[in-house]
Protein backbone atom coordinates (compact mmCIF):
# COMPACT_ATOMS: atom_id res chain seq x y z
CA MET A 1 -6.43 15.98 -7.40
CA HIS A 2 -9.31 15.81 -9.86
CA SER A 3 -8.72 17.56 -13.16
CA VAL A 4 -9.90 17.39 -16.74
CA GLN A 5 -7.50 16.37 -19.44
CA LYS A 6 -7.99 16.85 -23.18
CA HIS A 7 -8.15 13.56 -25.03
CA ALA A 8 -8.05 13.28 -28.82
CA THR A 9 -11.81 12.73 -28.92
CA GLY A 10 -12.93 14.88 -26.01
CA PHE A 11 -12.48 15.58 -22.34
CA PHE A 12 -12.31 13.02 -19.58
CA PRO A 13 -11.46 13.23 -15.90
CA THR A 14 -8.03 12.27 -14.67
CA PHE A 15 -6.84 11.61 -11.18
CA THR A 16 -3.20 11.74 -10.25
CA LEU A 17 -1.21 10.80 -7.21
CA ASN A 18 1.39 13.30 -6.13
CA ARG A 19 4.48 11.12 -5.86
CA ASN A 20 6.61 13.96 -4.45
CA THR A 21 4.84 14.00 -1.09
CA MET A 22 3.36 11.16 0.88
CA GLU A 23 -0.38 11.54 0.96
CA THR A 24 -2.19 10.93 4.19
CA ARG A 25 -4.62 8.08 4.71
CA GLN A 26 -7.46 10.62 4.74
CA GLU A 27 -6.38 12.23 1.46
CA LEU A 28 -6.14 8.84 -0.22
CA THR A 29 -9.46 7.71 1.25
CA ASP A 30 -11.09 10.89 -0.07
CA LYS A 31 -9.64 10.31 -3.54
CA ILE A 32 -10.80 6.68 -3.51
CA LEU A 33 -14.29 7.78 -2.50
CA LYS A 34 -14.43 10.42 -5.26
CA ILE A 35 -13.29 8.11 -8.03
CA THR A 36 -15.60 5.32 -6.81
CA VAL A 37 -18.61 7.67 -6.80
CA LEU A 38 -17.62 8.92 -10.27
CA ILE A 39 -17.49 5.35 -11.57
CA GLN A 40 -20.82 4.44 -9.98
CA GLU A 41 -22.61 7.56 -11.23
CA LYS A 42 -21.14 8.10 -14.70
CA TYR A 43 -19.83 4.68 -15.67
CA PRO A 44 -22.07 2.16 -13.84
CA GLU A 45 -21.00 -0.58 -16.24
CA LEU A 46 -17.63 -0.54 -14.44
CA SER A 47 -19.21 -0.99 -10.99
CA LYS A 48 -19.10 -4.76 -11.38
CA TYR A 49 -15.29 -4.56 -11.35
CA LEU A 50 -15.05 -2.57 -8.12
CA GLY A 51 -15.27 -5.75 -6.03
CA GLU A 52 -12.45 -7.31 -8.01
CA VAL A 53 -10.28 -4.24 -7.57
CA GLN A 54 -10.81 -4.40 -3.80
CA GLU A 55 -8.85 -7.65 -3.87
CA THR A 56 -5.74 -5.46 -4.08
CA LEU A 57 -6.36 -4.43 -0.45
CA PRO A 58 -5.13 -6.54 2.46
CA SER A 59 -7.27 -9.48 3.52
CA LEU A 60 -8.55 -10.67 6.88
CA GLU A 61 -5.28 -12.56 7.39
CA HIS A 62 -3.36 -9.30 6.97
CA PRO A 63 -5.82 -6.58 7.97
CA HIS A 64 -3.46 -3.58 8.19
CA VAL A 65 -4.21 -1.13 5.38
CA GLY A 66 -1.40 1.37 5.05
CA THR A 67 -1.03 4.42 2.89
CA GLU A 68 0.92 2.40 0.33
CA ASP A 69 -1.99 -0.07 0.09
CA LEU A 70 -4.46 2.78 -0.36
CA ALA A 71 -2.24 4.40 -3.00
CA LYS A 72 -2.05 1.12 -4.95
CA TYR A 73 -5.82 0.66 -4.67
CA TYR A 74 -6.45 4.20 -5.90
CA GLN A 75 -3.98 3.75 -8.76
CA THR A 76 -5.77 0.56 -9.82
CA LEU A 77 -9.13 2.38 -9.88
CA ASP A 78 -7.61 5.28 -11.78
CA GLU A 79 -6.02 2.99 -14.39
CA MET A 80 -9.27 1.04 -14.82
CA LEU A 81 -11.19 4.25 -15.49
CA LYS A 82 -8.55 5.67 -17.84
CA ASP A 83 -8.35 2.41 -19.81
CA TYR A 84 -12.12 2.28 -20.11
CA LEU A 85 -12.32 5.86 -21.37
CA LEU A 86 -9.57 5.25 -23.91
CA GLU A 87 -11.40 2.15 -25.17
CA HIS A 88 -14.70 4.06 -25.37
CA PRO A 89 -13.76 7.47 -26.83
CA GLU A 90 -17.41 8.23 -27.60
CA LEU A 91 -18.07 8.77 -23.88
């Protein structure tokens, strides 16, 4: 779920995975799409890393992408964005 969290220097978006219930592939895909669009629109300087992050997904040799893979991919995107915002508090 998308929310806004107060940071010492301002507000920035946070995305969290609900660990208590298993999210569906569609829910995870929607969250990945939202955070990817957010990065591309508001933090385009991070877009160059999106291709690198995709390396966390299965490859052609192992093409099955399960909910666990999607959750890990989303978590990687979320951590990248959070780290960037912490390093750039002026944003």
